[in-house]
Structure formats: C-alpha cells, structure tokens
Amino acid sequence: AVQGRLPLLAAGRLTVAAVGARNLHVLATTEPLGPPRG
C-alpha cells in the first residue's frame, strides 16, 4: 500500500525534462509538454 502511494509509481507515464542552464536540471512531471518541435 505504501508502494502504491509513492508519487513515481502512482504517476503513470512521466515526462522527464533535462534542462541545460548553468546547472543541469532533471525534473519529472505528469504534465503533457506537447509534441517535440524544431
């Protein structure tokens, strides 16, 4: 039951944004980011 409440397991399919600024940001979200462009 604890496993079932863990955010990563309960989220379903994830999008992980790897963002290159001065640092590298790696953030997982359940929000749709639209199809890749350009």
Full PDB file with SEQRES, HELIX, SHEET, SSBOND, CRYST1, ORIGX, SCALE, CONECT and MASTER records, all heavy atoms in Angstrom:
SEQRES   1 A   38  ALA VAL GLN GLY ARG LEU PRO LEU LEU ALA ALA GLY ARG          
SEQRES   2 A   38  LEU THR VAL ALA ALA VAL GLY ALA ARG ASN LEU HIS VAL          
SEQRES   3 A   38  LEU ALA THR THR GLU PRO LEU GLY PRO PRO ARG GLY              
HELIX    1 AA1 VAL A    2  ARG A    5  1                                   4    
HELIX    2 AA2 PRO A    7  ALA A   10  1                                   4    
SHEET    1 AA1 2 THR A  15  GLY A  20  0                                        
SHEET    2 AA1 2 LEU A  24  THR A  29 -1                                        
CRYST1    1.000    1.000    1.000  90.00  90.00  90.00 P 1           1          
ORIGX1      1.000000  0.000000  0.000000        0.00000                         
ORIGX2      0.000000  1.000000  0.000000        0.00000                         
ORIGX3      0.000000  0.000000  1.000000        0.00000                         
SCALE1      1.000000  0.000000  0.000000        0.00000                         
SCALE2      0.000000  1.000000  0.000000        0.00000                         
SCALE3      0.000000  0.000000  1.000000        0.00000                         
ATOM      1  N   ALA A   1       0.822  -1.212   0.000  1.00  0.00           N  
ATOM      2  CA  ALA A   1       0.000   0.000   0.000  1.00  0.00           C  
ATOM      3  C   ALA A   1       0.852   1.256   0.000  1.00  0.00           C  
ATOM      4  O   ALA A   1       0.473   2.273  -0.589  1.00  0.00           O  
ATOM      5  CB  ALA A   1      -0.938   0.006   1.208  1.00  0.00           C  
ATOM      6  N   VAL A   2       2.009   1.192   0.667  1.00  0.00           N  
ATOM      7  CA  VAL A   2       2.924   2.337   0.656  1.00  0.00           C  
ATOM      8  C   VAL A   2       3.503   2.507  -0.745  1.00  0.00           C  
ATOM      9  O   VAL A   2       3.595   3.622  -1.259  1.00  0.00           O  
ATOM     10  CB  VAL A   2       4.048   2.153   1.700  1.00  0.00           C  
ATOM     11  CG1 VAL A   2       5.080   3.277   1.581  1.00  0.00           C  
ATOM     12  CG2 VAL A   2       3.465   2.127   3.111  1.00  0.00           C  
ATOM     13  N   GLN A   3       3.865   1.391  -1.369  1.00  0.00           N  
ATOM     14  CA  GLN A   3       4.370   1.479  -2.742  1.00  0.00           C  
ATOM     15  C   GLN A   3       3.351   2.151  -3.659  1.00  0.00           C  
ATOM     16  O   GLN A   3       3.700   2.976  -4.495  1.00  0.00           O  
ATOM     17  CB  GLN A   3       4.674   0.075  -3.277  1.00  0.00           C  
ATOM     18  CG  GLN A   3       5.817  -0.638  -2.588  1.00  0.00           C  
ATOM     19  CD  GLN A   3       6.105  -1.982  -3.225  1.00  0.00           C  
ATOM     20  OE1 GLN A   3       6.078  -2.136  -4.435  1.00  0.00           O  
ATOM     21  NE2 GLN A   3       6.369  -2.986  -2.398  1.00  0.00           N  
ATOM     22  N   GLY A   4       2.082   1.784  -3.486  1.00  0.00           N  
ATOM     23  CA  GLY A   4       1.050   2.329  -4.349  1.00  0.00           C  
ATOM     24  C   GLY A   4       0.858   3.823  -4.203  1.00  0.00           C  
ATOM     25  O   GLY A   4       0.331   4.473  -5.121  1.00  0.00           O  
ATOM     26  N   ARG A   5       1.275   4.389  -3.046  1.00  0.00           N  
ATOM     27  CA  ARG A   5       1.129   5.828  -2.828  1.00  0.00           C  
ATOM     28  C   ARG A   5       2.380   6.609  -3.205  1.00  0.00           C  
ATOM     29  O   ARG A   5       2.370   7.847  -3.137  1.00  0.00           O  
ATOM     30  CB  ARG A   5       0.773   6.101  -1.359  1.00  0.00           C  
ATOM     31  CG  ARG A   5      -0.607   5.603  -0.974  1.00  0.00           C  
ATOM     32  CD  ARG A   5      -1.048   6.202   0.352  1.00  0.00           C  
ATOM     33  NE  ARG A   5      -0.173   5.832   1.454  1.00  0.00           N  
ATOM     34  CZ  ARG A   5      -0.324   4.718   2.186  1.00  0.00           C  
ATOM     35  NH1 ARG A   5      -1.302   3.871   1.911  1.00  0.00           N  
ATOM     36  NH2 ARG A   5       0.502   4.457   3.179  1.00  0.00           N  
ATOM     37  N   LEU A   6       3.440   5.923  -3.580  1.00  0.00           N  
ATOM     38  CA  LEU A   6       4.667   6.640  -3.944  1.00  0.00           C  
ATOM     39  C   LEU A   6       4.442   7.417  -5.240  1.00  0.00           C  
ATOM     40  O   LEU A   6       3.964   6.860  -6.233  1.00  0.00           O  
ATOM     41  CB  LEU A   6       5.828   5.664  -4.108  1.00  0.00           C  
ATOM     42  CG  LEU A   6       6.261   4.923  -2.845  1.00  0.00           C  
ATOM     43  CD1 LEU A   6       7.421   3.983  -3.155  1.00  0.00           C  
ATOM     44  CD2 LEU A   6       6.656   5.896  -1.735  1.00  0.00           C  
ATOM     45  N   PRO A   7       4.792   8.687  -5.262  1.00  0.00           N  
ATOM     46  CA  PRO A   7       4.485   9.533  -6.423  1.00  0.00           C  
ATOM     47  C   PRO A   7       5.009   9.000  -7.750  1.00  0.00           C  
ATOM     48  O   PRO A   7       4.299   9.069  -8.761  1.00  0.00           O  
ATOM     49  CB  PRO A   7       5.144  10.873  -6.061  1.00  0.00           C  
ATOM     50  CG  PRO A   7       5.131  10.900  -4.568  1.00  0.00           C  
ATOM     51  CD  PRO A   7       5.366   9.474  -4.147  1.00  0.00           C  
ATOM     52  N   LEU A   8       6.202   8.446  -7.753  1.00  0.00           N  
ATOM     53  CA  LEU A   8       6.763   7.986  -9.021  1.00  0.00           C  
ATOM     54  C   LEU A   8       6.000   6.771  -9.550  1.00  0.00           C  
ATOM     55  O   LEU A   8       5.820   6.618 -10.761  1.00  0.00           O  
ATOM     56  CB  LEU A   8       8.245   7.642  -8.865  1.00  0.00           C  
ATOM     57  CG  LEU A   8       9.057   7.533 -10.154  1.00  0.00           C  
ATOM     58  CD1 LEU A   8       9.132   8.871 -10.864  1.00  0.00           C  
ATOM     59  CD2 LEU A   8      10.458   7.010  -9.883  1.00  0.00           C  
ATOM     60  N   LEU A   9       5.525   5.920  -8.659  1.00  0.00           N  
ATOM     61  CA  LEU A   9       4.804   4.725  -9.080  1.00  0.00           C  
ATOM     62  C   LEU A   9       3.348   5.027  -9.394  1.00  0.00           C  
ATOM     63  O   LEU A   9       2.733   4.356 -10.219  1.00  0.00           O  
ATOM     64  CB  LEU A   9       4.883   3.650  -7.988  1.00  0.00           C  
ATOM     65  CG  LEU A   9       6.292   3.223  -7.585  1.00  0.00           C  
ATOM     66  CD1 LEU A   9       6.235   2.051  -6.619  1.00  0.00           C  
ATOM     67  CD2 LEU A   9       7.131   2.863  -8.797  1.00  0.00           C  
ATOM     68  N   ALA A  10       2.779   6.021  -8.723  1.00  0.00           N  
ATOM     69  CA  ALA A  10       1.373   6.364  -8.934  1.00  0.00           C  
ATOM     70  C   ALA A  10       1.169   7.297 -10.122  1.00  0.00           C  
ATOM     71  O   ALA A  10       0.044   7.494 -10.568  1.00  0.00           O  
ATOM     72  CB  ALA A  10       0.808   7.021  -7.671  1.00  0.00           C  
ATOM     73  N   ALA A  11       2.250   7.855 -10.632  1.00  0.00           N  
ATOM     74  CA  ALA A  11       2.125   8.905 -11.654  1.00  0.00           C  
ATOM     75  C   ALA A  11       1.706   8.385 -13.016  1.00  0.00           C  
ATOM     76  O   ALA A  11       1.138   9.113 -13.823  1.00  0.00           O  
ATOM     77  CB  ALA A  11       3.443   9.661 -11.783  1.00  0.00           C  
ATOM     78  N   GLY A  12       1.978   7.115 -13.309  1.00  0.00           N  
ATOM     79  CA  GLY A  12       1.748   6.633 -14.668  1.00  0.00           C  
ATOM     80  C   GLY A  12       2.917   7.037 -15.558  1.00  0.00           C  
ATOM     81  O   GLY A  12       4.052   7.135 -15.098  1.00  0.00           O  
ATOM     82  N   ARG A  13       2.674   7.328 -16.792  1.00  0.00           N  
ATOM     83  CA  ARG A  13       3.750   7.717 -17.717  1.00  0.00           C  
ATOM     84  C   ARG A  13       4.246   9.119 -17.380  1.00  0.00           C  
ATOM     85  O   ARG A  13       3.464  10.035 -17.156  1.00  0.00           O  
ATOM     86  CB  ARG A  13       3.248   7.676 -19.158  1.00  0.00           C  
ATOM     87  CG  ARG A  13       4.340   7.928 -20.189  1.00  0.00           C  
ATOM     88  CD  ARG A  13       3.779   7.767 -21.592  1.00  0.00           C  
ATOM     89  NE  ARG A  13       4.752   8.120 -22.604  1.00  0.00           N  
ATOM     90  CZ  ARG A  13       5.687   7.300 -23.074  1.00  0.00           C  
ATOM     91  NH1 ARG A  13       5.756   6.075 -22.616  1.00  0.00           N  
ATOM     92  NH2 ARG A  13       6.538   7.696 -24.010  1.00  0.00           N  
ATOM     93  N   LEU A  14       5.563   9.275 -17.340  1.00  0.00           N  
ATOM     94  CA  LEU A  14       6.193  10.530 -16.967  1.00  0.00           C  
ATOM     95  C   LEU A  14       6.891  11.183 -18.152  1.00  0.00           C  
ATOM     96  O   LEU A  14       7.317  10.509 -19.092  1.00  0.00           O  
ATOM     97  CB  LEU A  14       7.257  10.291 -15.881  1.00  0.00           C  
ATOM     98  CG  LEU A  14       6.804   9.812 -14.506  1.00  0.00           C  
ATOM     99  CD1 LEU A  14       8.007   9.265 -13.749  1.00  0.00           C  
ATOM    100  CD2 LEU A  14       6.181  10.961 -13.736  1.00  0.00           C  
ATOM    101  N   THR A  15       7.023  12.485 -18.084  1.00  0.00           N  
ATOM    102  CA  THR A  15       7.958  13.205 -18.940  1.00  0.00           C  
ATOM    103  C   THR A  15       9.048  13.758 -18.044  1.00  0.00           C  
ATOM    104  O   THR A  15       8.762  14.395 -17.028  1.00  0.00           O  
ATOM    105  CB  THR A  15       7.270  14.372 -19.678  1.00  0.00           C  
ATOM    106  OG1 THR A  15       6.245  13.847 -20.532  1.00  0.00           O  
ATOM    107  CG2 THR A  15       8.280  15.124 -20.533  1.00  0.00           C  
ATOM    108  N   VAL A  16      10.286  13.474 -18.395  1.00  0.00           N  
ATOM    109  CA  VAL A  16      11.434  13.974 -17.630  1.00  0.00           C  
ATOM    110  C   VAL A  16      12.123  15.031 -18.477  1.00  0.00           C  
ATOM    111  O   VAL A  16      12.653  14.727 -19.552  1.00  0.00           O  
ATOM    112  CB  VAL A  16      12.416  12.850 -17.268  1.00  0.00           C  
ATOM    113  CG1 VAL A  16      13.579  13.404 -16.444  1.00  0.00           C  
ATOM    114  CG2 VAL A  16      11.700  11.740 -16.497  1.00  0.00           C  
ATOM    115  N   ALA A  17      12.094  16.268 -18.010  1.00  0.00           N  
ATOM    116  CA  ALA A  17      12.742  17.361 -18.734  1.00  0.00           C  
ATOM    117  C   ALA A  17      14.185  17.478 -18.257  1.00  0.00           C  
ATOM    118  O   ALA A  17      14.445  17.616 -17.064  1.00  0.00           O  
ATOM    119  CB  ALA A  17      11.998  18.670 -18.485  1.00  0.00           C  
ATOM    120  N   ALA A  18      15.105  17.385 -19.185  1.00  0.00           N  
ATOM    121  CA  ALA A  18      16.525  17.604 -18.904  1.00  0.00           C  
ATOM    122  C   ALA A  18      16.872  18.992 -19.432  1.00  0.00           C  
ATOM    123  O   ALA A  18      16.871  19.215 -20.644  1.00  0.00           O  
ATOM    124  CB  ALA A  18      17.381  16.531 -19.570  1.00  0.00           C  
ATOM    125  N   VAL A  19      17.132  19.912 -18.518  1.00  0.00           N  
ATOM    126  CA  VAL A  19      17.235  21.323 -18.865  1.00  0.00           C  
ATOM    127  C   VAL A  19      18.655  21.812 -18.632  1.00  0.00           C  
ATOM    128  O   VAL A  19      19.160  21.796 -17.505  1.00  0.00           O  
ATOM    129  CB  VAL A  19      16.246  22.170 -18.026  1.00  0.00           C  
ATOM    130  CG1 VAL A  19      16.268  23.614 -18.497  1.00  0.00           C  
ATOM    131  CG2 VAL A  19      14.839  21.590 -18.111  1.00  0.00           C  
ATOM    132  N   GLY A  20      19.283  22.268 -19.685  1.00  0.00           N  
ATOM    133  CA  GLY A  20      20.636  22.776 -19.585  1.00  0.00           C  
ATOM    134  C   GLY A  20      20.650  24.284 -19.398  1.00  0.00           C  
ATOM    135  O   GLY A  20      20.424  25.037 -20.344  1.00  0.00           O  
ATOM    136  N   ALA A  21      20.874  24.712 -18.156  1.00  0.00           N  
ATOM    137  CA  ALA A  21      21.145  26.121 -17.871  1.00  0.00           C  
ATOM    138  C   ALA A  21      22.609  26.154 -17.438  1.00  0.00           C  
ATOM    139  O   ALA A  21      23.427  25.444 -18.008  1.00  0.00           O  
ATOM    140  CB  ALA A  21      20.197  26.630 -16.785  1.00  0.00           C  
ATOM    141  N   ARG A  22      22.947  26.959 -16.435  1.00  0.00           N  
ATOM    142  CA  ARG A  22      24.309  26.865 -15.907  1.00  0.00           C  
ATOM    143  C   ARG A  22      24.496  25.516 -15.221  1.00  0.00           C  
ATOM    144  O   ARG A  22      25.557  24.909 -15.258  1.00  0.00           O  
ATOM    145  CB  ARG A  22      24.578  28.011 -14.919  1.00  0.00           C  
ATOM    146  CG  ARG A  22      25.969  27.986 -14.313  1.00  0.00           C  
ATOM    147  CD  ARG A  22      26.290  29.300 -13.626  1.00  0.00           C  
ATOM    148  NE  ARG A  22      27.635  29.321 -13.090  1.00  0.00           N  
ATOM    149  CZ  ARG A  22      28.269  30.423 -12.701  1.00  0.00           C  
ATOM    150  NH1 ARG A  22      27.672  31.599 -12.808  1.00  0.00           N  
ATOM    151  NH2 ARG A  22      29.482  30.358 -12.212  1.00  0.00           N  
ATOM    152  N   ASN A  23      23.422  25.058 -14.551  1.00  0.00           N  
ATOM    153  CA  ASN A  23      23.371  23.720 -13.989  1.00  0.00           C  
ATOM    154  C   ASN A  23      22.510  22.845 -14.887  1.00  0.00           C  
ATOM    155  O   ASN A  23      21.790  23.335 -15.757  1.00  0.00           O  
ATOM    156  CB  ASN A  23      22.760  23.760 -12.578  1.00  0.00           C  
ATOM    157  CG  ASN A  23      23.579  24.586 -11.622  1.00  0.00           C  
ATOM    158  OD1 ASN A  23      24.633  24.167 -11.147  1.00  0.00           O  
ATOM    159  ND2 ASN A  23      23.101  25.796 -11.323  1.00  0.00           N  
ATOM    160  N   LEU A  24      22.558  21.548 -14.647  1.00  0.00           N  
ATOM    161  CA  LEU A  24      21.674  20.618 -15.339  1.00  0.00           C  
ATOM    162  C   LEU A  24      20.511  20.299 -14.408  1.00  0.00           C  
ATOM    163  O   LEU A  24      20.700  19.773 -13.312  1.00  0.00           O  
ATOM    164  CB  LEU A  24      22.422  19.339 -15.706  1.00  0.00           C  
ATOM    165  CG  LEU A  24      21.562  18.233 -16.323  1.00  0.00           C  
ATOM    166  CD1 LEU A  24      20.970  18.678 -17.654  1.00  0.00           C  
ATOM    167  CD2 LEU A  24      22.383  16.947 -16.498  1.00  0.00           C  
ATOM    168  N   HIS A  25      19.307  20.632 -14.847  1.00  0.00           N  
ATOM    169  CA  HIS A  25      18.092  20.360 -14.082  1.00  0.00           C  
ATOM    170  C   HIS A  25      17.400  19.154 -14.691  1.00  0.00           C  
ATOM    171  O   HIS A  25      17.162  19.115 -15.904  1.00  0.00           O  
ATOM    172  CB  HIS A  25      17.154  21.561 -14.108  1.00  0.00           C  
ATOM    173  CG  HIS A  25      17.691  22.767 -13.422  1.00  0.00           C  
ATOM    174  ND1 HIS A  25      17.246  23.186 -12.179  1.00  0.00           N  
ATOM    175  CD2 HIS A  25      18.661  23.654 -13.797  1.00  0.00           C  
ATOM    176  CE1 HIS A  25      17.911  24.274 -11.818  1.00  0.00           C  
ATOM    177  NE2 HIS A  25      18.767  24.586 -12.787  1.00  0.00           N  
ATOM    178  N   VAL A  26      17.091  18.187 -13.862  1.00  0.00           N  
ATOM    179  CA  VAL A  26      16.372  16.993 -14.296  1.00  0.00           C  
ATOM    180  C   VAL A  26      15.080  16.947 -13.492  1.00  0.00           C  
ATOM    181  O   VAL A  26      15.099  16.736 -12.283  1.00  0.00           O  
ATOM    182  CB  VAL A  26      17.199  15.717 -14.057  1.00  0.00           C  
ATOM    183  CG1 VAL A  26      16.417  14.483 -14.512  1.00  0.00           C  
ATOM    184  CG2 VAL A  26      18.535  15.805 -14.788  1.00  0.00           C  
ATOM    185  N   LEU A  27      13.937  17.189 -14.145  1.00  0.00           N  
ATOM    186  CA  LEU A  27      12.676  17.234 -13.426  1.00  0.00           C  
ATOM    187  C   LEU A  27      11.620  16.392 -14.109  1.00  0.00           C  
ATOM    188  O   LEU A  27      11.445  16.460 -15.319  1.00  0.00           O  
ATOM    189  CB  LEU A  27      12.183  18.671 -13.255  1.00  0.00           C  
ATOM    190  CG  LEU A  27      12.050  19.562 -14.474  1.00  0.00           C  
ATOM    191  CD1 LEU A  27      10.927  20.573 -14.256  1.00  0.00           C  
ATOM    192  CD2 LEU A  27      13.338  20.337 -14.737  1.00  0.00           C  
ATOM    193  N   ALA A  28      10.956  15.579 -13.307  1.00  0.00           N  
ATOM    194  CA  ALA A  28       9.908  14.690 -13.812  1.00  0.00           C  
ATOM    195  C   ALA A  28       8.551  15.301 -13.536  1.00  0.00           C  
ATOM    196  O   ALA A  28       8.299  15.817 -12.448  1.00  0.00           O  
ATOM    197  CB  ALA A  28      10.015  13.326 -13.136  1.00  0.00           C  
ATOM    198  N   THR A  29       7.677  15.235 -14.517  1.00  0.00           N  
ATOM    199  CA  THR A  29       6.347  15.797 -14.383  1.00  0.00           C  
ATOM    200  C   THR A  29       5.335  14.890 -15.064  1.00  0.00           C  
ATOM    201  O   THR A  29       5.677  14.135 -15.977  1.00  0.00           O  
ATOM    202  CB  THR A  29       6.276  17.212 -14.994  1.00  0.00           C  
ATOM    203  OG1 THR A  29       4.963  17.758 -14.813  1.00  0.00           O  
ATOM    204  CG2 THR A  29       6.610  17.194 -16.470  1.00  0.00           C  
ATOM    205  N   THR A  30       4.090  14.969 -14.603  1.00  0.00           N  
ATOM    206  CA  THR A  30       2.997  14.268 -15.279  1.00  0.00           C  
ATOM    207  C   THR A  30       2.298  15.187 -16.271  1.00  0.00           C  
ATOM    208  O   THR A  30       1.373  14.761 -16.966  1.00  0.00           O  
ATOM    209  CB  THR A  30       1.979  13.749 -14.253  1.00  0.00           C  
ATOM    210  OG1 THR A  30       1.493  14.843 -13.464  1.00  0.00           O  
ATOM    211  CG2 THR A  30       2.609  12.715 -13.337  1.00  0.00           C  
ATOM    212  N   GLU A  31       2.714  16.453 -16.344  1.00  0.00           N  
ATOM    213  CA  GLU A  31       2.094  17.405 -17.266  1.00  0.00           C  
ATOM    214  C   GLU A  31       2.519  17.110 -18.706  1.00  0.00           C  
ATOM    215  O   GLU A  31       3.703  16.871 -18.966  1.00  0.00           O  
ATOM    216  CB  GLU A  31       2.499  18.836 -16.907  1.00  0.00           C  
ATOM    217  CG  GLU A  31       2.002  19.304 -15.550  1.00  0.00           C  
ATOM    218  CD  GLU A  31       2.436  20.722 -15.248  1.00  0.00           C  
ATOM    219  OE1 GLU A  31       2.613  21.508 -16.192  1.00  0.00           O  
ATOM    220  OE2 GLU A  31       2.609  21.042 -14.059  1.00  0.00           O  
ATOM    221  N   PRO A  32       1.594  17.141 -19.643  1.00  0.00           N  
ATOM    222  CA  PRO A  32       1.980  16.982 -21.050  1.00  0.00           C  
ATOM    223  C   PRO A  32       2.728  18.210 -21.543  1.00  0.00           C  
ATOM    224  O   PRO A  32       2.359  19.340 -21.211  1.00  0.00           O  
ATOM    225  CB  PRO A  32       0.636  16.818 -21.770  1.00  0.00           C  
ATOM    226  CG  PRO A  32      -0.351  17.516 -20.891  1.00  0.00           C  
ATOM    227  CD  PRO A  32       0.135  17.313 -19.474  1.00  0.00           C  
ATOM    228  N   LEU A  33       3.777  17.991 -22.295  1.00  0.00           N  
ATOM    229  CA  LEU A  33       4.584  19.098 -22.818  1.00  0.00           C  
ATOM    230  C   LEU A  33       4.402  19.288 -24.317  1.00  0.00           C  
ATOM    231  O   LEU A  33       5.136  20.051 -24.938  1.00  0.00           O  
ATOM    232  CB  LEU A  33       6.062  18.869 -22.485  1.00  0.00           C  
ATOM    233  CG  LEU A  33       6.407  18.741 -20.994  1.00  0.00           C  
ATOM    234  CD1 LEU A  33       7.917  18.609 -20.813  1.00  0.00           C  
ATOM    235  CD2 LEU A  33       5.877  19.913 -20.194  1.00  0.00           C  
ATOM    236  N   GLY A  34       3.421  18.603 -24.884  1.00  0.00           N  
ATOM    237  CA  GLY A  34       3.192  18.753 -26.316  1.00  0.00           C  
ATOM    238  C   GLY A  34       4.207  17.959 -27.118  1.00  0.00           C  
ATOM    239  O   GLY A  34       5.210  17.484 -26.592  1.00  0.00           O  
ATOM    240  N   PRO A  35       3.977  17.820 -28.406  1.00  0.00           N  
ATOM    241  CA  PRO A  35       4.914  17.069 -29.254  1.00  0.00           C  
ATOM    242  C   PRO A  35       6.212  17.843 -29.451  1.00  0.00           C  
ATOM    243  O   PRO A  35       6.225  19.077 -29.386  1.00  0.00           O  
ATOM    244  CB  PRO A  35       4.151  16.928 -30.575  1.00  0.00           C  
ATOM    245  CG  PRO A  35       3.242  18.122 -30.597  1.00  0.00           C  
ATOM    246  CD  PRO A  35       2.835  18.354 -29.168  1.00  0.00           C  
ATOM    247  N   PRO A  36       7.324  17.132 -29.666  1.00  0.00           N  
ATOM    248  CA  PRO A  36       8.596  17.818 -29.929  1.00  0.00           C  
ATOM    249  C   PRO A  36       8.495  18.693 -31.174  1.00  0.00           C  
ATOM    250  O   PRO A  36       7.890  18.312 -32.166  1.00  0.00           O  
ATOM    251  CB  PRO A  36       9.589  16.667 -30.144  1.00  0.00           C  
ATOM    252  CG  PRO A  36       8.948  15.484 -29.501  1.00  0.00           C  
ATOM    253  CD  PRO A  36       7.470  15.676 -29.668  1.00  0.00           C  
ATOM    254  N   ARG A  37       9.097  19.871 -31.096  1.00  0.00           N  
ATOM    255  CA  ARG A  37       9.081  20.787 -32.221  1.00  0.00           C  
ATOM    256  C   ARG A  37      10.493  21.281 -32.505  1.00  0.00           C  
ATOM    257  O   ARG A  37      11.307  21.401 -31.596  1.00  0.00           O  
ATOM    258  CB  ARG A  37       8.166  21.981 -31.938  1.00  0.00           C  
ATOM    259  CG  ARG A  37       6.688  21.614 -31.769  1.00  0.00           C  
ATOM    260  CD  ARG A  37       5.847  22.840 -31.461  1.00  0.00           C  
ATOM    261  NE  ARG A  37       4.433  22.517 -31.274  1.00  0.00           N  
ATOM    262  CZ  ARG A  37       3.562  22.384 -32.260  1.00  0.00           C  
ATOM    263  NH1 ARG A  37       3.963  22.564 -33.511  1.00  0.00           N  
ATOM    264  NH2 ARG A  37       2.300  22.090 -32.016  1.00  0.00           N  
ATOM    265  N   GLY A  38      10.728  21.613 -33.758  1.00  0.00           N  
ATOM    266  CA  GLY A  38      12.009  22.201 -34.128  1.00  0.00           C  
ATOM    267  C   GLY A  38      13.179  21.328 -33.726  1.00  0.00           C  
ATOM    268  O   GLY A  38      13.283  20.175 -34.129  1.00  0.00           O  
TER     269      GLY A  38                                                      
MASTER        0    0    0    2    2    0    0    6  268    1    0    3          
END                                                                             
